[in-house]
Amino acid sequence: MNDSYWGWIKLHRPSKSICLNSEIELLQQISNHISLAIFYKTLMEENFEKEIQLKAETIATKAKTQILANTSHVNEILNTAKLEIHQITSINTIFNLLDLFEKVIKQFIKDAKNKQIKLILNYDIENLPRYIKSNPER
């Protein structure tokens, strides 16, 4: 069948007996049913593989959509890429990191309250540097 399966059906009879047409037809019907079962199994396997592929593509599309949605709201990803290829110059200064944390939280607090989200700034002051040299805008 399609050059991928082959086999035979063997009928055991006494050596001098003759096969009846009804017996030959029965063997042909059995052969046809086996052939259909193999074809159905192959078709089901192909459909299963296509279903898995379709689900994977759907998940990938959703992930891509989410990334694009996040990117459109947070342009920092694009700015980081531009910075890496030297299209943006970063001006590094020394600033208070803890003050920057608080400014960022204050920037989003109104939106968070509107969405009934409580923002909490939690950091280990003992292990965090107080002042750092970087670009506070980035």
N, C-alpha and C. Protein backbone atom coordinates (compact mmCIF):
# COMPACT_ATOMS: atom_id res chain seq x y z
N MET A 1 0.84 -1.17 0.00
CA MET A 1 0.00 0.00 0.00
C MET A 1 0.89 1.23 0.00
N ASN A 2 0.82 2.03 -1.04
CA ASN A 2 1.65 3.23 -1.20
C ASN A 2 3.14 2.93 -1.01
N ASP A 3 3.56 1.78 -1.36
CA ASP A 3 4.97 1.35 -1.26
C ASP A 3 5.52 1.43 0.16
N SER A 4 4.64 1.50 1.16
CA SER A 4 5.17 1.60 2.51
C SER A 4 4.78 0.40 3.38
N TYR A 5 3.74 -0.30 3.03
CA TYR A 5 3.33 -1.48 3.78
C TYR A 5 3.11 -2.64 2.82
N TRP A 6 3.42 -3.80 3.26
CA TRP A 6 3.12 -4.98 2.46
C TRP A 6 2.92 -6.15 3.40
N GLY A 7 2.29 -7.15 2.91
CA GLY A 7 2.04 -8.31 3.75
C GLY A 7 1.24 -9.34 2.98
N TRP A 8 0.89 -10.40 3.64
CA TRP A 8 0.10 -11.43 2.99
C TRP A 8 -0.83 -12.06 4.02
N ILE A 9 -1.85 -12.66 3.48
CA ILE A 9 -2.78 -13.43 4.30
C ILE A 9 -2.63 -14.87 3.85
N LYS A 10 -2.43 -15.74 4.79
CA LYS A 10 -2.20 -17.14 4.45
C LYS A 10 -3.39 -17.97 4.93
N LEU A 11 -3.88 -18.79 4.06
CA LEU A 11 -4.97 -19.70 4.38
C LEU A 11 -4.40 -21.11 4.43
N HIS A 12 -4.57 -21.74 5.52
CA HIS A 12 -4.05 -23.10 5.65
C HIS A 12 -5.19 -24.09 5.40
N ARG A 13 -4.97 -24.91 4.42
CA ARG A 13 -5.97 -25.93 4.06
C ARG A 13 -5.25 -27.25 3.80
N PRO A 14 -6.00 -28.30 3.85
CA PRO A 14 -5.39 -29.59 3.45
C PRO A 14 -4.92 -29.49 2.00
N SER A 15 -3.90 -30.21 1.65
CA SER A 15 -3.25 -30.08 0.34
C SER A 15 -4.16 -30.41 -0.84
N LYS A 16 -5.11 -31.26 -0.73
CA LYS A 16 -5.93 -31.64 -1.88
C LYS A 16 -7.26 -30.90 -1.95
N SER A 17 -7.49 -29.95 -1.04
CA SER A 17 -8.76 -29.23 -1.05
C SER A 17 -8.69 -28.04 -2.01
N ILE A 18 -9.81 -27.59 -2.47
CA ILE A 18 -9.92 -26.48 -3.42
C ILE A 18 -10.53 -25.29 -2.70
N CYS A 19 -9.95 -24.09 -2.96
CA CYS A 19 -10.49 -22.86 -2.38
C CYS A 19 -11.78 -22.51 -3.09
N LEU A 20 -12.79 -22.21 -2.34
CA LEU A 20 -14.06 -21.78 -2.91
C LEU A 20 -14.01 -20.28 -3.17
N ASN A 21 -14.80 -19.84 -4.13
CA ASN A 21 -14.86 -18.41 -4.44
C ASN A 21 -15.29 -17.59 -3.22
N SER A 22 -16.19 -18.12 -2.43
CA SER A 22 -16.65 -17.42 -1.22
C SER A 22 -15.49 -17.24 -0.23
N GLU A 23 -14.60 -18.23 -0.16
CA GLU A 23 -13.44 -18.12 0.73
C GLU A 23 -12.46 -17.08 0.21
N ILE A 24 -12.27 -17.05 -1.10
CA ILE A 24 -11.37 -16.06 -1.70
C ILE A 24 -11.94 -14.66 -1.49
N GLU A 25 -13.25 -14.50 -1.65
CA GLU A 25 -13.89 -13.20 -1.42
C GLU A 25 -13.75 -12.77 0.03
N LEU A 26 -13.89 -13.71 0.96
CA LEU A 26 -13.73 -13.40 2.38
C LEU A 26 -12.30 -12.92 2.66
N LEU A 27 -11.31 -13.60 2.08
CA LEU A 27 -9.92 -13.18 2.27
C LEU A 27 -9.68 -11.79 1.66
N GLN A 28 -10.31 -11.52 0.53
CA GLN A 28 -10.19 -10.20 -0.10
C GLN A 28 -10.81 -9.13 0.79
N GLN A 29 -11.95 -9.41 1.40
CA GLN A 29 -12.60 -8.46 2.30
C GLN A 29 -11.73 -8.21 3.54
N ILE A 30 -11.16 -9.27 4.08
CA ILE A 30 -10.26 -9.12 5.24
C ILE A 30 -9.06 -8.25 4.85
N SER A 31 -8.50 -8.52 3.68
CA SER A 31 -7.37 -7.74 3.18
C SER A 31 -7.74 -6.27 3.03
N ASN A 32 -8.92 -6.01 2.48
CA ASN A 32 -9.38 -4.63 2.29
C ASN A 32 -9.56 -3.92 3.64
N HIS A 33 -10.11 -4.62 4.62
CA HIS A 33 -10.30 -4.02 5.94
C HIS A 33 -8.96 -3.71 6.61
N ILE A 34 -8.02 -4.61 6.47
CA ILE A 34 -6.69 -4.37 7.02
C ILE A 34 -6.06 -3.16 6.34
N SER A 35 -6.19 -3.10 5.02
CA SER A 35 -5.65 -1.98 4.26
C SER A 35 -6.28 -0.66 4.72
N LEU A 36 -7.59 -0.65 4.91
CA LEU A 36 -8.28 0.56 5.39
C LEU A 36 -7.83 0.94 6.80
N ALA A 37 -7.64 -0.05 7.65
CA ALA A 37 -7.19 0.22 9.02
C ALA A 37 -5.80 0.86 9.02
N ILE A 38 -4.92 0.35 8.18
CA ILE A 38 -3.56 0.92 8.07
C ILE A 38 -3.63 2.33 7.53
N PHE A 39 -4.45 2.54 6.50
CA PHE A 39 -4.60 3.87 5.92
C PHE A 39 -5.16 4.85 6.95
N TYR A 40 -6.18 4.43 7.70
CA TYR A 40 -6.79 5.27 8.73
C TYR A 40 -5.77 5.63 9.80
N LYS A 41 -4.98 4.64 10.24
CA LYS A 41 -3.95 4.89 11.26
C LYS A 41 -2.93 5.91 10.75
N THR A 42 -2.49 5.75 9.51
CA THR A 42 -1.54 6.68 8.92
C THR A 42 -2.13 8.09 8.83
N LEU A 43 -3.38 8.17 8.41
CA LEU A 43 -4.07 9.45 8.30
C LEU A 43 -4.19 10.13 9.66
N MET A 44 -4.53 9.36 10.68
CA MET A 44 -4.65 9.90 12.03
C MET A 44 -3.31 10.42 12.55
N GLU A 45 -2.24 9.70 12.26
CA GLU A 45 -0.90 10.15 12.68
C GLU A 45 -0.54 11.47 12.00
N GLU A 46 -0.83 11.57 10.71
CA GLU A 46 -0.55 12.81 9.97
C GLU A 46 -1.37 13.96 10.53
N ASN A 47 -2.65 13.71 10.81
CA ASN A 47 -3.50 14.75 11.37
C ASN A 47 -3.02 15.18 12.75
N PHE A 48 -2.57 14.23 13.55
CA PHE A 48 -2.05 14.54 14.88
C PHE A 48 -0.81 15.42 14.78
N GLU A 49 0.09 15.08 13.87
CA GLU A 49 1.30 15.88 13.67
C GLU A 49 0.95 17.28 13.19
N LYS A 50 -0.02 17.39 12.29
CA LYS A 50 -0.44 18.71 11.80
C LYS A 50 -1.11 19.51 12.91
N GLU A 51 -1.86 18.84 13.76
CA GLU A 51 -2.51 19.52 14.88
C GLU A 51 -1.47 20.07 15.85
N ILE A 52 -0.45 19.28 16.14
CA ILE A 52 0.63 19.74 17.03
C ILE A 52 1.34 20.93 16.41
N GLN A 53 1.62 20.85 15.12
CA GLN A 53 2.30 21.95 14.42
C GLN A 53 1.43 23.21 14.45
N LEU A 54 0.13 23.06 14.24
CA LEU A 54 -0.78 24.20 14.25
C LEU A 54 -0.83 24.83 15.64
N LYS A 55 -0.87 24.00 16.68
CA LYS A 55 -0.87 24.53 18.05
C LYS A 55 0.42 25.27 18.35
N ALA A 56 1.55 24.71 17.90
CA ALA A 56 2.84 25.37 18.12
C ALA A 56 2.89 26.71 17.40
N GLU A 57 2.36 26.76 16.19
CA GLU A 57 2.33 28.01 15.44
C GLU A 57 1.42 29.03 16.13
N THR A 58 0.30 28.58 16.67
CA THR A 58 -0.62 29.47 17.37
C THR A 58 0.05 30.05 18.62
N ILE A 59 0.73 29.20 19.37
CA ILE A 59 1.43 29.67 20.57
C ILE A 59 2.52 30.66 20.19
N ALA A 60 3.26 30.36 19.13
CA ALA A 60 4.33 31.27 18.69
C ALA A 60 3.75 32.62 18.25
N THR A 61 2.62 32.58 17.57
CA THR A 61 1.97 33.82 17.12
C THR A 61 1.52 34.65 18.32
N LYS A 62 0.93 33.98 19.32
CA LYS A 62 0.50 34.70 20.52
C LYS A 62 1.69 35.33 21.24
N ALA A 63 2.77 34.57 21.33
CA ALA A 63 3.98 35.09 21.99
C ALA A 63 4.52 36.29 21.23
N LYS A 64 4.54 36.19 19.92
CA LYS A 64 5.04 37.30 19.09
C LYS A 64 4.16 38.53 19.27
N THR A 65 2.84 38.31 19.29
CA THR A 65 1.90 39.42 19.48
C THR A 65 2.12 40.08 20.83
N GLN A 66 2.33 39.26 21.86
CA GLN A 66 2.56 39.81 23.20
C GLN A 66 3.86 40.60 23.25
N ILE A 67 4.89 40.07 22.62
CA ILE A 67 6.18 40.78 22.60
C ILE A 67 6.02 42.12 21.88
N LEU A 68 5.32 42.11 20.75
CA LEU A 68 5.12 43.36 20.01
C LEU A 68 4.28 44.35 20.81
N ALA A 69 3.27 43.83 21.52
CA ALA A 69 2.45 44.71 22.35
C ALA A 69 3.29 45.33 23.46
N ASN A 70 4.12 44.51 24.09
CA ASN A 70 4.98 45.04 25.14
C ASN A 70 5.99 46.02 24.58
N THR A 71 6.51 45.72 23.42
CA THR A 71 7.51 46.59 22.80
C THR A 71 6.90 47.93 22.43
N SER A 72 5.66 47.89 21.95
CA SER A 72 5.04 49.15 21.56
C SER A 72 4.80 50.04 22.77
N HIS A 73 4.62 49.46 23.98
CA HIS A 73 4.43 50.24 25.20
C HIS A 73 5.75 50.53 25.89
N VAL A 74 6.73 49.69 25.70
CA VAL A 74 8.04 49.86 26.35
C VAL A 74 9.09 49.91 25.27
N ASN A 75 9.42 51.07 24.85
CA ASN A 75 10.37 51.24 23.76
C ASN A 75 11.81 50.98 24.18
N GLU A 76 12.02 50.64 25.44
CA GLU A 76 13.38 50.39 25.91
C GLU A 76 14.05 49.24 25.16
N ILE A 77 13.27 48.26 24.73
CA ILE A 77 13.85 47.14 23.99
C ILE A 77 14.46 47.65 22.69
N LEU A 78 13.71 48.50 22.01
CA LEU A 78 14.23 49.07 20.76
C LEU A 78 15.42 49.98 21.03
N ASN A 79 15.33 50.77 22.09
CA ASN A 79 16.44 51.66 22.42
C ASN A 79 17.69 50.87 22.78
N THR A 80 17.52 49.76 23.46
CA THR A 80 18.66 48.91 23.81
C THR A 80 19.30 48.35 22.55
N ALA A 81 18.48 47.93 21.61
CA ALA A 81 19.02 47.41 20.34
C ALA A 81 19.77 48.50 19.60
N LYS A 82 19.20 49.70 19.58
CA LYS A 82 19.87 50.82 18.91
C LYS A 82 21.17 51.18 19.62
N LEU A 83 21.14 51.11 20.95
CA LEU A 83 22.34 51.41 21.72
C LEU A 83 23.46 50.43 21.39
N GLU A 84 23.08 49.16 21.23
CA GLU A 84 24.08 48.13 20.92
C GLU A 84 24.73 48.34 19.56
N ILE A 85 23.99 48.91 18.61
CA ILE A 85 24.58 49.15 17.28
C ILE A 85 25.02 50.60 17.13
N HIS A 86 25.15 51.28 18.27
CA HIS A 86 25.71 52.63 18.35
C HIS A 86 24.89 53.67 17.60
N GLN A 87 23.57 53.50 17.54
CA GLN A 87 22.72 54.54 16.96
C GLN A 87 22.26 55.54 18.01
N ILE A 88 22.40 55.17 19.28
CA ILE A 88 22.07 56.06 20.39
C ILE A 88 23.30 56.12 21.28
N THR A 89 23.64 57.30 21.71
CA THR A 89 24.75 57.40 22.65
C THR A 89 24.17 57.50 24.05
N SER A 90 24.78 56.79 24.94
CA SER A 90 24.35 56.78 26.33
C SER A 90 25.25 57.71 27.13
N ILE A 91 24.62 58.62 27.88
CA ILE A 91 25.38 59.56 28.71
C ILE A 91 25.33 59.04 30.14
N ASN A 92 26.46 58.58 30.62
CA ASN A 92 26.53 58.01 31.96
C ASN A 92 26.84 59.09 32.98
N THR A 93 26.09 59.07 34.06
CA THR A 93 26.32 59.98 35.17
C THR A 93 26.20 59.18 36.46
N ILE A 94 26.66 59.79 37.53
CA ILE A 94 26.51 59.15 38.84
C ILE A 94 25.19 59.64 39.44
N PHE A 95 24.38 58.69 39.90
CA PHE A 95 23.08 59.05 40.48
C PHE A 95 22.73 58.08 41.60
N ASN A 96 21.75 58.49 42.40
CA ASN A 96 21.27 57.69 43.53
C ASN A 96 20.29 56.65 43.00
N LEU A 97 20.66 55.41 43.10
CA LEU A 97 19.84 54.31 42.57
C LEU A 97 18.50 54.20 43.30
N LEU A 98 18.50 54.38 44.61
CA LEU A 98 17.27 54.26 45.39
C LEU A 98 16.28 55.37 45.04
N ASP A 99 16.79 56.57 44.80
CA ASP A 99 15.92 57.66 44.36
C ASP A 99 15.30 57.33 43.00
N LEU A 100 16.09 56.73 42.14
CA LEU A 100 15.57 56.36 40.82
C LEU A 100 14.45 55.32 40.94
N PHE A 101 14.65 54.34 41.84
CA PHE A 101 13.59 53.34 42.07
C PHE A 101 12.28 54.02 42.47
N GLU A 102 12.38 54.94 43.40
CA GLU A 102 11.18 55.61 43.89
C GLU A 102 10.53 56.45 42.80
N LYS A 103 11.33 57.11 41.96
CA LYS A 103 10.77 57.90 40.85
C LYS A 103 10.02 57.01 39.87
N VAL A 104 10.57 55.85 39.61
CA VAL A 104 9.92 54.92 38.67
C VAL A 104 8.59 54.44 39.25
N ILE A 105 8.58 54.10 40.53
CA ILE A 105 7.34 53.66 41.16
C ILE A 105 6.30 54.78 41.12
N LYS A 106 6.71 56.01 41.46
CA LYS A 106 5.78 57.15 41.44
C LYS A 106 5.22 57.38 40.04
N GLN A 107 6.03 57.10 39.04
CA GLN A 107 5.60 57.29 37.66
C GLN A 107 4.44 56.35 37.29
N PHE A 108 4.42 55.16 37.86
CA PHE A 108 3.41 54.16 37.50
C PHE A 108 2.31 53.99 38.55
N ILE A 109 2.41 54.70 39.66
CA ILE A 109 1.48 54.48 40.77
C ILE A 109 0.04 54.82 40.41
N LYS A 110 -0.16 55.89 39.64
CA LYS A 110 -1.53 56.29 39.27
C LYS A 110 -2.19 55.22 38.40
N ASP A 111 -1.47 54.74 37.39
CA ASP A 111 -2.01 53.68 36.53
C ASP A 111 -2.27 52.41 37.34
N ALA A 112 -1.38 52.11 38.26
CA ALA A 112 -1.54 50.91 39.08
C ALA A 112 -2.79 51.02 39.95
N LYS A 113 -3.01 52.18 40.55
CA LYS A 113 -4.21 52.36 41.39
C LYS A 113 -5.48 52.24 40.55
N ASN A 114 -5.46 52.80 39.35
CA ASN A 114 -6.62 52.71 38.46
C ASN A 114 -6.95 51.26 38.12
N LYS A 115 -5.92 50.44 38.07
CA LYS A 115 -6.11 49.02 37.74
C LYS A 115 -6.16 48.15 39.00
N GLN A 116 -6.25 48.81 40.15
CA GLN A 116 -6.31 48.15 41.45
C GLN A 116 -5.12 47.21 41.67
N ILE A 117 -3.96 47.72 41.33
CA ILE A 117 -2.71 47.00 41.55
C ILE A 117 -1.91 47.76 42.60
N LYS A 118 -1.40 47.06 43.55
CA LYS A 118 -0.59 47.68 44.58
C LYS A 118 0.89 47.49 44.24
N LEU A 119 1.58 48.59 44.03
CA LEU A 119 3.01 48.51 43.73
C LEU A 119 3.80 48.63 45.03
N ILE A 120 4.72 47.70 45.21
CA ILE A 120 5.55 47.71 46.41
C ILE A 120 7.00 47.67 45.97
N LEU A 121 7.77 48.61 46.47
CA LEU A 121 9.20 48.63 46.19
C LEU A 121 9.90 47.91 47.34
N ASN A 122 10.52 46.80 47.01
CA ASN A 122 11.16 45.97 48.03
C ASN A 122 12.59 45.68 47.58
N TYR A 123 13.56 46.14 48.35
CA TYR A 123 14.95 45.90 47.99
C TYR A 123 15.78 45.73 49.25
N ASP A 124 16.91 45.10 49.08
CA ASP A 124 17.83 44.86 50.19
C ASP A 124 18.86 46.00 50.19
N ILE A 125 18.61 46.97 51.04
CA ILE A 125 19.45 48.17 51.07
C ILE A 125 20.90 47.86 51.42
N GLU A 126 21.11 46.77 52.14
CA GLU A 126 22.47 46.40 52.55
C GLU A 126 23.31 45.92 51.36
N ASN A 127 22.67 45.28 50.39
CA ASN A 127 23.42 44.69 49.28
C ASN A 127 23.31 45.49 47.99
N LEU A 128 22.61 46.59 48.03
CA LEU A 128 22.43 47.40 46.82
C LEU A 128 23.37 48.60 46.88
N PRO A 129 24.05 48.90 45.80
CA PRO A 129 24.87 50.12 45.82
C PRO A 129 23.98 51.36 45.88
N ARG A 130 24.39 52.32 46.63
CA ARG A 130 23.58 53.55 46.77
C ARG A 130 23.73 54.43 45.54
N TYR A 131 24.94 54.59 45.09
CA TYR A 131 25.21 55.42 43.91
C TYR A 131 25.84 54.55 42.82
N ILE A 132 25.39 54.78 41.62
CA ILE A 132 25.97 54.05 40.49
C ILE A 132 26.22 55.01 39.34
N LYS A 133 27.06 54.57 38.42
CA LYS A 133 27.34 55.38 37.24
C LYS A 133 26.72 54.66 36.06
N SER A 134 25.73 55.28 35.47
CA SER A 134 25.01 54.72 34.33
C SER A 134 24.15 55.82 33.74
N ASN A 135 23.25 55.42 32.86
CA ASN A 135 22.32 56.39 32.29
C ASN A 135 20.98 56.21 32.99
N PRO A 136 20.58 57.13 33.84
CA PRO A 136 19.34 56.97 34.60
C PRO A 136 18.09 56.95 33.70
N GLU A 137 18.18 57.52 32.51
CA GLU A 137 17.05 57.52 31.58
C GLU A 137 16.84 56.16 30.95
N ARG A 138 17.87 55.38 30.90
CA ARG A 138 17.77 54.04 30.27
C ARG A 138 17.50 52.99 31.31
